[in-house]
Amino acid sequence: MGKFFGNLYHIRNIIYIRLSPYEQKAFANYWPNTIRGFKRDFNANAAYFIPPLLLFVMIRHWANAEFEKSLRKKPEDYENDRNDEIKCKLVLKNFSKRK
């Protein structure tokens, strides 16, 4: 447009208003406006995403607990097993046959 800042062209019916780059603040009120905007958006949308999120967390917690429970051995499944002495004798007997 012009040669330097302040030497703007004069064109009829067009008004140019410029602010010197040295006089403006690049990030004026950036953080306060960002935080306020985040709070506003969070409060506006919280009713839509918090209930499904809580439901997902509760189901995940329950599923992990059930999975851990299923990995445990049930003592009643092993009530009719032979005792350890008989098992050791059988193992030693089979081991001696291999030689």
PDB file of N, CA and C in Angstrom:
ATOM      1  N   MET A   1       0.835  -1.174   0.000  1.00  0.00           N
ATOM      2  CA  MET A   1       0.000   0.000   0.000  1.00  0.00           C
ATOM      3  C   MET A   1       0.885   1.245   0.000  1.00  0.00           C
ATOM      4  N   GLY A   2       1.462   1.583   1.115  1.00  0.00           N
ATOM      5  CA  GLY A   2       2.288   2.788   1.181  1.00  0.00           C
ATOM      6  C   GLY A   2       3.738   2.429   1.331  1.00  0.00           C
ATOM      7  N   LYS A   3       4.531   3.450   1.444  1.00  0.00           N
ATOM      8  CA  LYS A   3       5.962   3.201   1.577  1.00  0.00           C
ATOM      9  C   LYS A   3       6.305   2.710   2.982  1.00  0.00           C
ATOM     10  N   PHE A   4       5.847   3.423   3.990  1.00  0.00           N
ATOM     11  CA  PHE A   4       6.165   3.093   5.374  1.00  0.00           C
ATOM     12  C   PHE A   4       4.887   3.161   6.192  1.00  0.00           C
ATOM     13  N   PHE A   5       5.005   2.710   7.438  1.00  0.00           N
ATOM     14  CA  PHE A   5       3.857   2.810   8.315  1.00  0.00           C
ATOM     15  C   PHE A   5       3.556   4.285   8.558  1.00  0.00           C
ATOM     16  N   GLY A   6       2.322   4.657   8.396  1.00  0.00           N
ATOM     17  CA  GLY A   6       1.924   6.047   8.576  1.00  0.00           C
ATOM     18  C   GLY A   6       1.787   6.784   7.259  1.00  0.00           C
ATOM     19  N   ASN A   7       2.416   6.304   6.215  1.00  0.00           N
ATOM     20  CA  ASN A   7       2.286   6.916   4.890  1.00  0.00           C
ATOM     21  C   ASN A   7       1.344   6.070   4.044  1.00  0.00           C
ATOM     22  N   LEU A   8       0.092   6.024   4.444  1.00  0.00           N
ATOM     23  CA  LEU A   8      -0.878   5.205   3.742  1.00  0.00           C
ATOM     24  C   LEU A   8      -1.419   5.972   2.548  1.00  0.00           C
ATOM     25  N   TYR A   9      -1.788   5.230   1.516  1.00  0.00           N
ATOM     26  CA  TYR A   9      -2.374   5.864   0.350  1.00  0.00           C
ATOM     27  C   TYR A   9      -3.714   6.467   0.715  1.00  0.00           C
ATOM     28  N   HIS A  10      -4.046   7.526   0.051  1.00  0.00           N
ATOM     29  CA  HIS A  10      -5.353   8.143   0.228  1.00  0.00           C
ATOM     30  C   HIS A  10      -6.194   7.791  -0.991  1.00  0.00           C
ATOM     31  N   ILE A  11      -7.236   6.999  -0.758  1.00  0.00           N
ATOM     32  CA  ILE A  11      -8.147   6.624  -1.832  1.00  0.00           C
ATOM     33  C   ILE A  11      -9.518   7.115  -1.415  1.00  0.00           C
ATOM     34  N   ARG A  12     -10.254   7.696  -2.368  1.00  0.00           N
ATOM     35  CA  ARG A  12     -11.560   8.242  -2.042  1.00  0.00           C
ATOM     36  C   ARG A  12     -12.510   7.152  -1.558  1.00  0.00           C
ATOM     37  N   ASN A  13     -13.301   7.495  -0.543  1.00  0.00           N
ATOM     38  CA  ASN A  13     -14.340   6.645   0.033  1.00  0.00           C
ATOM     39  C   ASN A  13     -13.806   5.366   0.698  1.00  0.00           C
ATOM     40  N   ILE A  14     -12.542   5.248   0.872  1.00  0.00           N
ATOM     41  CA  ILE A  14     -11.966   4.113   1.593  1.00  0.00           C
ATOM     42  C   ILE A  14     -11.107   4.678   2.704  1.00  0.00           C
ATOM     43  N   ILE A  15     -11.411   4.255   3.906  1.00  0.00           N
ATOM     44  CA  ILE A  15     -10.666   4.747   5.054  1.00  0.00           C
ATOM     45  C   ILE A  15      -9.863   3.577   5.620  1.00  0.00           C
ATOM     46  N   TYR A  16      -8.581   3.769   5.748  1.00  0.00           N
ATOM     47  CA  TYR A  16      -7.702   2.753   6.330  1.00  0.00           C
ATOM     48  C   TYR A  16      -7.350   3.170   7.741  1.00  0.00           C
ATOM     49  N   ILE A  17      -7.593   2.282   8.665  1.00  0.00           N
ATOM     50  CA  ILE A  17      -7.208   2.538  10.046  1.00  0.00           C
ATOM     51  C   ILE A  17      -6.232   1.440  10.420  1.00  0.00           C
ATOM     52  N   ARG A  18      -5.070   1.832  10.832  1.00  0.00           N
ATOM     53  CA  ARG A  18      -4.039   0.855  11.175  1.00  0.00           C
ATOM     54  C   ARG A  18      -3.562   1.104  12.595  1.00  0.00           C
ATOM     55  N   LEU A  19      -3.190   0.031  13.229  1.00  0.00           N
ATOM     56  CA  LEU A  19      -2.599   0.107  14.551  1.00  0.00           C
ATOM     57  C   LEU A  19      -1.158  -0.348  14.416  1.00  0.00           C
ATOM     58  N   SER A  20      -0.277   0.402  14.972  1.00  0.00           N
ATOM     59  CA  SER A  20       1.135   0.069  14.879  1.00  0.00           C
ATOM     60  C   SER A  20       1.383  -1.297  15.517  1.00  0.00           C
ATOM     61  N   PRO A  21       2.203  -2.141  14.881  1.00  0.00           N
ATOM     62  CA  PRO A  21       2.507  -3.440  15.469  1.00  0.00           C
ATOM     63  C   PRO A  21       3.245  -3.324  16.793  1.00  0.00           C
ATOM     64  N   TYR A  22       3.816  -2.169  17.071  1.00  0.00           N
ATOM     65  CA  TYR A  22       4.531  -1.969  18.328  1.00  0.00           C
ATOM     66  C   TYR A  22       3.593  -1.550  19.455  1.00  0.00           C
ATOM     67  N   GLU A  23       2.363  -1.185  19.119  1.00  0.00           N
ATOM     68  CA  GLU A  23       1.419  -0.713  20.122  1.00  0.00           C
ATOM     69  C   GLU A  23       0.395  -1.769  20.527  1.00  0.00           C
ATOM     70  N   GLN A  24       0.368  -2.882  19.862  1.00  0.00           N
ATOM     71  CA  GLN A  24      -0.644  -3.877  20.185  1.00  0.00           C
ATOM     72  C   GLN A  24      -0.049  -5.024  20.996  1.00  0.00           C
ATOM     73  N   LYS A  25      -0.907  -5.663  21.779  1.00  0.00           N
ATOM     74  CA  LYS A  25      -0.496  -6.823  22.559  1.00  0.00           C
ATOM     75  C   LYS A  25      -0.926  -8.071  21.785  1.00  0.00           C
ATOM     76  N   ALA A  26       0.022  -8.918  21.503  1.00  0.00           N
ATOM     77  CA  ALA A  26      -0.280 -10.094  20.688  1.00  0.00           C
ATOM     78  C   ALA A  26      -1.223 -11.060  21.408  1.00  0.00           C
ATOM     79  N   PHE A  27      -1.020 -11.263  22.701  1.00  0.00           N
ATOM     80  CA  PHE A  27      -1.829 -12.224  23.444  1.00  0.00           C
ATOM     81  C   PHE A  27      -2.545 -11.552  24.603  1.00  0.00           C
ATOM     82  N   ALA A  28      -3.159 -10.422  24.338  1.00  0.00           N
ATOM     83  CA  ALA A  28      -3.879  -9.711  25.393  1.00  0.00           C
ATOM     84  C   ALA A  28      -5.074 -10.547  25.842  1.00  0.00           C
ATOM     85  N   ASN A  29      -5.162 -10.814  27.144  1.00  0.00           N
ATOM     86  CA  ASN A  29      -6.258 -11.584  27.754  1.00  0.00           C
ATOM     87  C   ASN A  29      -6.414 -12.979  27.158  1.00  0.00           C
ATOM     88  N   TYR A  30      -5.327 -13.548  26.674  1.00  0.00           N
ATOM     89  CA  TYR A  30      -5.425 -14.880  26.059  1.00  0.00           C
ATOM     90  C   TYR A  30      -5.802 -15.940  27.091  1.00  0.00           C
ATOM     91  N   TRP A  31      -5.035 -16.035  28.185  1.00  0.00           N
ATOM     92  CA  TRP A  31      -5.301 -17.076  29.176  1.00  0.00           C
ATOM     93  C   TRP A  31      -6.614 -16.879  29.923  1.00  0.00           C
ATOM     94  N   PRO A  32      -6.952 -15.683  30.377  1.00  0.00           N
ATOM     95  CA  PRO A  32      -8.262 -15.544  31.044  1.00  0.00           C
ATOM     96  C   PRO A  32      -9.434 -15.905  30.129  1.00  0.00           C
ATOM     97  N   ASN A  33      -9.357 -15.475  28.866  1.00  0.00           N
ATOM     98  CA  ASN A  33     -10.441 -15.809  27.939  1.00  0.00           C
ATOM     99  C   ASN A  33     -10.470 -17.303  27.629  1.00  0.00           C
ATOM    100  N   THR A  34      -9.306 -17.916  27.547  1.00  0.00           N
ATOM    101  CA  THR A  34      -9.245 -19.349  27.265  1.00  0.00           C
ATOM    102  C   THR A  34      -9.848 -20.148  28.413  1.00  0.00           C
ATOM    103  N   ILE A  35      -9.490 -19.789  29.632  1.00  0.00           N
ATOM    104  CA  ILE A  35     -10.003 -20.513  30.799  1.00  0.00           C
ATOM    105  C   ILE A  35     -11.508 -20.313  30.936  1.00  0.00           C
ATOM    106  N   ARG A  36     -11.965 -19.081  30.745  1.00  0.00           N
ATOM    107  CA  ARG A  36     -13.405 -18.816  30.812  1.00  0.00           C
ATOM    108  C   ARG A  36     -14.156 -19.595  29.737  1.00  0.00           C
ATOM    109  N   GLY A  37     -13.597 -19.617  28.530  1.00  0.00           N
ATOM    110  CA  GLY A  37     -14.238 -20.352  27.438  1.00  0.00           C
ATOM    111  C   GLY A  37     -14.282 -21.846  27.704  1.00  0.00           C
ATOM    112  N   PHE A  38     -13.196 -22.377  28.268  1.00  0.00           N
ATOM    113  CA  PHE A  38     -13.171 -23.804  28.593  1.00  0.00           C
ATOM    114  C   PHE A  38     -14.227 -24.138  29.639  1.00  0.00           C
ATOM    115  N   LYS A  39     -14.327 -23.307  30.668  1.00  0.00           N
ATOM    116  CA  LYS A  39     -15.342 -23.544  31.702  1.00  0.00           C
ATOM    117  C   LYS A  39     -16.749 -23.494  31.107  1.00  0.00           C
ATOM    118  N   ARG A  40     -16.988 -22.515  30.259  1.00  0.00           N
ATOM    119  CA  ARG A  40     -18.304 -22.369  29.647  1.00  0.00           C
ATOM    120  C   ARG A  40     -18.636 -23.586  28.780  1.00  0.00           C
ATOM    121  N   ASP A  41     -17.688 -24.025  27.953  1.00  0.00           N
ATOM    122  CA  ASP A  41     -17.928 -25.181  27.089  1.00  0.00           C
ATOM    123  C   ASP A  41     -18.087 -26.461  27.899  1.00  0.00           C
ATOM    124  N   PHE A  42     -17.286 -26.602  28.949  1.00  0.00           N
ATOM    125  CA  PHE A  42     -17.384 -27.798  29.794  1.00  0.00           C
ATOM    126  C   PHE A  42     -18.751 -27.866  30.460  1.00  0.00           C
ATOM    127  N   ASN A  43     -19.192 -26.748  31.030  1.00  0.00           N
ATOM    128  CA  ASN A  43     -20.492 -26.732  31.704  1.00  0.00           C
ATOM    129  C   ASN A  43     -21.637 -26.956  30.723  1.00  0.00           C
ATOM    130  N   ALA A  44     -21.474 -26.487  29.495  1.00  0.00           N
ATOM    131  CA  ALA A  44     -22.538 -26.654  28.508  1.00  0.00           C
ATOM    132  C   ALA A  44     -22.650 -28.107  28.038  1.00  0.00           C
ATOM    133  N   ASN A  45     -21.535 -28.827  27.997  1.00  0.00           N
ATOM    134  CA  ASN A  45     -21.544 -30.179  27.436  1.00  0.00           C
ATOM    135  C   ASN A  45     -21.405 -31.287  28.472  1.00  0.00           C
ATOM    136  N   ALA A  46     -21.200 -30.947  29.728  1.00  0.00           N
ATOM    137  CA  ALA A  46     -20.951 -31.965  30.754  1.00  0.00           C
ATOM    138  C   ALA A  46     -22.126 -32.935  30.892  1.00  0.00           C
ATOM    139  N   ALA A  47     -23.337 -32.446  30.753  1.00  0.00           N
ATOM    140  CA  ALA A  47     -24.510 -33.310  30.912  1.00  0.00           C
ATOM    141  C   ALA A  47     -24.582 -34.378  29.822  1.00  0.00           C
ATOM    142  N   TYR A  48     -23.898 -34.165  28.710  1.00  0.00           N
ATOM    143  CA  TYR A  48     -23.944 -35.122  27.607  1.00  0.00           C
ATOM    144  C   TYR A  48     -22.851 -36.180  27.689  1.00  0.00           C
ATOM    145  N   PHE A  49     -21.673 -35.832  28.210  1.00  0.00           N
ATOM    146  CA  PHE A  49     -20.593 -36.811  28.171  1.00  0.00           C
ATOM    147  C   PHE A  49     -20.245 -37.422  29.523  1.00  0.00           C
ATOM    148  N   ILE A  50     -20.637 -36.824  30.635  1.00  0.00           N
ATOM    149  CA  ILE A  50     -20.266 -37.389  31.936  1.00  0.00           C
ATOM    150  C   ILE A  50     -21.051 -38.670  32.264  1.00  0.00           C
ATOM    151  N   PRO A  51     -22.376 -38.750  32.070  1.00  0.00           N
ATOM    152  CA  PRO A  51     -23.071 -40.014  32.388  1.00  0.00           C
ATOM    153  C   PRO A  51     -22.559 -41.218  31.591  1.00  0.00           C
ATOM    154  N   PRO A  52     -22.363 -41.114  30.262  1.00  0.00           N
ATOM    155  CA  PRO A  52     -21.801 -42.279  29.562  1.00  0.00           C
ATOM    156  C   PRO A  52     -20.378 -42.600  30.014  1.00  0.00           C
ATOM    157  N   LEU A  53     -19.606 -41.581  30.347  1.00  0.00           N
ATOM    158  CA  LEU A  53     -18.244 -41.809  30.821  1.00  0.00           C
ATOM    159  C   LEU A  53     -18.255 -42.558  32.152  1.00  0.00           C
ATOM    160  N   LEU A  54     -19.119 -42.142  33.072  1.00  0.00           N
ATOM    161  CA  LEU A  54     -19.225 -42.842  34.354  1.00  0.00           C
ATOM    162  C   LEU A  54     -19.718 -44.275  34.162  1.00  0.00           C
ATOM    163  N   LEU A  55     -20.671 -44.465  33.274  1.00  0.00           N
ATOM    164  CA  LEU A  55     -21.168 -45.812  32.993  1.00  0.00           C
ATOM    165  C   LEU A  55     -20.051 -46.695  32.444  1.00  0.00           C
ATOM    166  N   PHE A  56     -19.263 -46.160  31.527  1.00  0.00           N
ATOM    167  CA  PHE A  56     -18.140 -46.911  30.966  1.00  0.00           C
ATOM    168  C   PHE A  56     -17.133 -47.280  32.048  1.00  0.00           C
ATOM    169  N   VAL A  57     -16.804 -46.341  32.929  1.00  0.00           N
ATOM    170  CA  VAL A  57     -15.826 -46.609  33.991  1.00  0.00           C
ATOM    171  C   VAL A  57     -16.356 -47.676  34.935  1.00  0.00           C
ATOM    172  N   MET A  58     -17.635 -47.601  35.284  1.00  0.00           N
ATOM    173  CA  MET A  58     -18.212 -48.592  36.194  1.00  0.00           C
ATOM    174  C   MET A  58     -18.236 -49.983  35.557  1.00  0.00           C
ATOM    175  N   ILE A  59     -18.617 -50.076  34.290  1.00  0.00           N
ATOM    176  CA  ILE A  59     -18.646 -51.370  33.601  1.00  0.00           C
ATOM    177  C   ILE A  59     -17.235 -51.928  33.467  1.00  0.00           C
ATOM    178  N   ARG A  60     -16.270 -51.070  33.165  1.00  0.00           N
ATOM    179  CA  ARG A  60     -14.882 -51.523  33.036  1.00  0.00           C
ATOM    180  C   ARG A  60     -14.353 -52.041  34.370  1.00  0.00           C
ATOM    181  N   HIS A  61     -14.661 -51.336  35.440  1.00  0.00           N
ATOM    182  CA  HIS A  61     -14.225 -51.776  36.769  1.00  0.00           C
ATOM    183  C   HIS A  61     -14.855 -53.127  37.121  1.00  0.00           C
ATOM    184  N   TRP A  62     -16.148 -53.279  36.860  1.00  0.00           N
ATOM    185  CA  TRP A  62     -16.841 -54.538  37.140  1.00  0.00           C
ATOM    186  C   TRP A  62     -16.250 -55.675  36.303  1.00  0.00           C
ATOM    187  N   ALA A  63     -16.002 -55.413  35.004  1.00  0.00           N
ATOM    188  CA  ALA A  63     -15.478 -56.455  34.121  1.00  0.00           C
ATOM    189  C   ALA A  63     -14.079 -56.887  34.549  1.00  0.00           C
ATOM    190  N   ASN A  64     -13.233 -55.950  34.938  1.00  0.00           N
ATOM    191  CA  ASN A  64     -11.890 -56.310  35.401  1.00  0.00           C
ATOM    192  C   ASN A  64     -11.955 -57.122  36.691  1.00  0.00           C
ATOM    193  N   ALA A  65     -12.866 -56.760  37.590  1.00  0.00           N
ATOM    194  CA  ALA A  65     -13.012 -57.516  38.836  1.00  0.00           C
ATOM    195  C   ALA A  65     -13.495 -58.936  38.553  1.00  0.00           C
ATOM    196  N   GLU A  66     -14.446 -59.086  37.646  1.00  0.00           N
ATOM    197  CA  GLU A  66     -14.938 -60.423  37.288  1.00  0.00           C
ATOM    198  C   GLU A  66     -13.848 -61.250  36.615  1.00  0.00           C
ATOM    199  N   PHE A  67     -13.047 -60.614  35.793  1.00  0.00           N
ATOM    200  CA  PHE A  67     -11.960 -61.329  35.125  1.00  0.00           C
ATOM    201  C   PHE A  67     -10.946 -61.831  36.143  1.00  0.00           C
ATOM    202  N   GLU A  68     -10.575 -60.973  37.086  1.00  0.00           N
ATOM    203  CA  GLU A  68      -9.627 -61.387  38.128  1.00  0.00           C
ATOM    204  C   GLU A  68     -10.212 -62.521  38.977  1.00  0.00           C
ATOM    205  N   LYS A  69     -11.524 -62.439  39.231  1.00  0.00           N
ATOM    206  CA  LYS A  69     -12.179 -63.487  40.009  1.00  0.00           C
ATOM    207  C   LYS A  69     -12.177 -64.815  39.247  1.00  0.00           C
ATOM    208  N   SER A  70     -12.315 -64.751  37.926  1.00  0.00           N
ATOM    209  CA  SER A  70     -12.354 -65.984  37.128  1.00  0.00           C
ATOM    210  C   SER A  70     -10.987 -66.651  37.031  1.00  0.00           C
ATOM    211  N   LEU A  71      -9.921 -65.922  37.304  1.00  0.00           N
ATOM    212  CA  LEU A  71      -8.586 -66.509  37.242  1.00  0.00           C
ATOM    213  C   LEU A  71      -8.248 -67.322  38.485  1.00  0.00           C
ATOM    214  N   ARG A  72      -8.983 -67.132  39.562  1.00  0.00           N
ATOM    215  CA  ARG A  72      -8.707 -67.848  40.807  1.00  0.00           C
ATOM    216  C   ARG A  72      -9.138 -69.306  40.701  1.00  0.00           C
ATOM    217  N   LYS A  73      -8.408 -70.153  41.394  1.00  0.00           N
ATOM    218  CA  LYS A  73      -8.801 -71.561  41.455  1.00  0.00           C
ATOM    219  C   LYS A  73      -9.887 -71.730  42.505  1.00  0.00           C
ATOM    220  N   LYS A  74     -10.822 -72.627  42.215  1.00  0.00           N
ATOM    221  CA  LYS A  74     -11.888 -72.909  43.170  1.00  0.00           C
ATOM    222  C   LYS A  74     -11.491 -74.138  43.981  1.00  0.00           C
ATOM    223  N   PRO A  75     -11.428 -74.037  45.301  1.00  0.00           N
ATOM    224  CA  PRO A  75     -11.009 -75.191  46.118  1.00  0.00           C
ATOM    225  C   PRO A  75     -11.922 -76.399  45.963  1.00  0.00           C
ATOM    226  N   GLU A  76     -13.212 -76.192  45.745  1.00  0.00           N
ATOM    227  CA  GLU A  76     -14.122 -77.334  45.634  1.00  0.00           C
ATOM    228  C   GLU A  76     -13.856 -78.162  44.370  1.00  0.00           C
ATOM    229  N   ASP A  77     -13.177 -77.589  43.381  1.00  0.00           N
ATOM    230  CA  ASP A  77     -12.834 -78.365  42.191  1.00  0.00           C
ATOM    231  C   ASP A  77     -11.726 -79.378  42.472  1.00  0.00           C
ATOM    232  N   TYR A  78     -10.968 -79.172  43.534  1.00  0.00           N
ATOM    233  CA  TYR A  78      -9.802 -80.014  43.814  1.00  0.00           C
ATOM    234  C   TYR A  78      -9.973 -80.865  45.074  1.00  0.00           C
ATOM    235  N   GLU A  79     -11.184 -81.014  45.583  1.00  0.00           N
ATOM    236  CA  GLU A  79     -11.414 -81.788  46.804  1.00  0.00           C
ATOM    237  C   GLU A  79     -11.132 -83.275  46.612  1.00  0.00           C
ATOM    238  N   ASN A  80     -11.401 -83.805  45.437  1.00  0.00           N
ATOM    239  CA  ASN A  80     -11.258 -85.238  45.199  1.00  0.00           C
ATOM    240  C   ASN A  80      -9.890 -85.620  44.645  1.00  0.00           C
ATOM    241  N   ASP A  81      -8.985 -84.692  44.561  1.00  0.00           N
ATOM    242  CA  ASP A  81      -7.649 -85.010  44.060  1.00  0.00           C
ATOM    243  C   ASP A  81      -6.882 -85.851  45.071  1.00  0.00           C
ATOM    244  N   ARG A  82      -5.936 -86.584  44.575  1.00  0.00           N
ATOM    245  CA  ARG A  82      -5.081 -87.369  45.463  1.00  0.00           C
ATOM    246  C   ARG A  82      -4.183 -86.430  46.246  1.00  0.00           C
ATOM    247  N   ASN A  83      -3.696 -86.912  47.356  1.00  0.00           N
ATOM    248  CA  ASN A  83      -2.823 -86.049  48.145  1.00  0.00           C
ATOM    249  C   ASN A  83      -1.426 -86.001  47.520  1.00  0.00           C
ATOM    250  N   ASP A  84      -0.588 -85.130  48.020  1.00  0.00           N
ATOM    251  CA  ASP A  84       0.721 -84.884  47.422  1.00  0.00           C
ATOM    252  C   ASP A  84       1.658 -86.082  47.523  1.00  0.00           C
ATOM    253  N   GLU A  85       1.543 -86.882  48.570  1.00  0.00           N
ATOM    254  CA  GLU A  85       2.440 -88.029  48.734  1.00  0.00           C
ATOM    255  C   GLU A  85       2.249 -89.035  47.609  1.00  0.00           C
ATOM    256  N   ILE A  86       1.012 -89.294  47.262  1.00  0.00           N
ATOM    257  CA  ILE A  86       0.739 -90.254  46.191  1.00  0.00           C
ATOM    258  C   ILE A  86       1.263 -89.710  44.869  1.00  0.00           C
ATOM    259  N   LYS A  87       1.095 -88.418  44.642  1.00  0.00           N
ATOM    260  CA  LYS A  87       1.583 -87.811  43.406  1.00  0.00           C
ATOM    261  C   LYS A  87       3.099 -87.930  43.321  1.00  0.00           C
ATOM    262  N   CYS A  88       3.788 -87.678  44.429  1.00  0.00           N
ATOM    263  CA  CYS A  88       5.251 -87.758  44.436  1.00  0.00           C
ATOM    264  C   CYS A  88       5.711 -89.186  44.148  1.00  0.00           C
ATOM    265  N   LYS A  89       5.036 -90.180  44.729  1.00  0.00           N
ATOM    266  CA  LYS A  89       5.407 -91.571  44.499  1.00  0.00           C
ATOM    267  C   LYS A  89       5.229 -91.940  43.030  1.00  0.00           C
ATOM    268  N   LEU A  90       4.125 -91.463  42.429  1.00  0.00           N
ATOM    269  CA  LEU A  90       3.896 -91.760  41.018  1.00  0.00           C
ATOM    270  C   LEU A  90       4.953 -91.107  40.138  1.00  0.00           C
ATOM    271  N   VAL A  91       5.316 -89.906  40.454  1.00  0.00           N
ATOM    272  CA  VAL A  91       6.324 -89.209  39.662  1.00  0.00           C
ATOM    273  C   VAL A  91       7.660 -89.927  39.771  1.00  0.00           C
ATOM    274  N   LEU A  92       8.048 -90.306  40.989  1.00  0.00           N
ATOM    275  CA  LEU A  92       9.317 -91.007  41.177  1.00  0.00           C
ATOM    276  C   LEU A  92       9.305 -92.377  40.495  1.00  0.00           C
ATOM    277  N   LYS A  93       8.174 -93.041  40.541  1.00  0.00           N
ATOM    278  CA  LYS A  93       8.049 -94.354  39.913  1.00  0.00           C
ATOM    279  C   LYS A  93       8.221 -94.233  38.400  1.00  0.00           C
ATOM    280  N   ASN A  94       7.554 -93.238  37.810  1.00  0.00           N
ATOM    281  CA  ASN A  94       7.667 -93.024  36.367  1.00  0.00           C
ATOM    282  C   ASN A  94       9.076 -92.566  35.986  1.00  0.00           C
ATOM    283  N   PHE A  95       9.707 -91.792  36.830  1.00  0.00           N
ATOM    284  CA  PHE A  95      11.051 -91.302  36.548  1.00  0.00           C
ATOM    285  C   PHE A  95      12.057 -92.453  36.563  1.00  0.00           C
ATOM    286  N   SER A  96      11.880 -93.377  37.482  1.00  0.00           N
ATOM    287  CA  SER A  96      12.817 -94.501  37.576  1.00  0.00           C
ATOM    288  C   SER A  96      12.646 -95.473  36.404  1.00  0.00           C
ATOM    289  N   LYS A  97      11.468 -95.517  35.800  1.00  0.00           N
ATOM    290  CA  LYS A  97      11.243 -96.399  34.650  1.00  0.00           C
ATOM    291  C   LYS A  97      11.965 -95.887  33.409  1.00  0.00           C
ATOM    292  N   ARG A  98      12.192 -94.604  33.314  1.00  0.00           N
ATOM    293  CA  ARG A  98      12.826 -94.031  32.127  1.00  0.00           C
ATOM    294  C   ARG A  98      14.288 -94.453  32.014  1.00  0.00           C
ATOM    295  N   LYS A  99      14.939 -94.660  33.110  1.00  0.00           N
ATOM    296  CA  LYS A  99      16.374 -94.980  33.072  1.00  0.00           C
ATOM    297  C   LYS A  99      16.594 -96.337  32.600  1.00  0.00           C
TER     298      LYS A  99
END
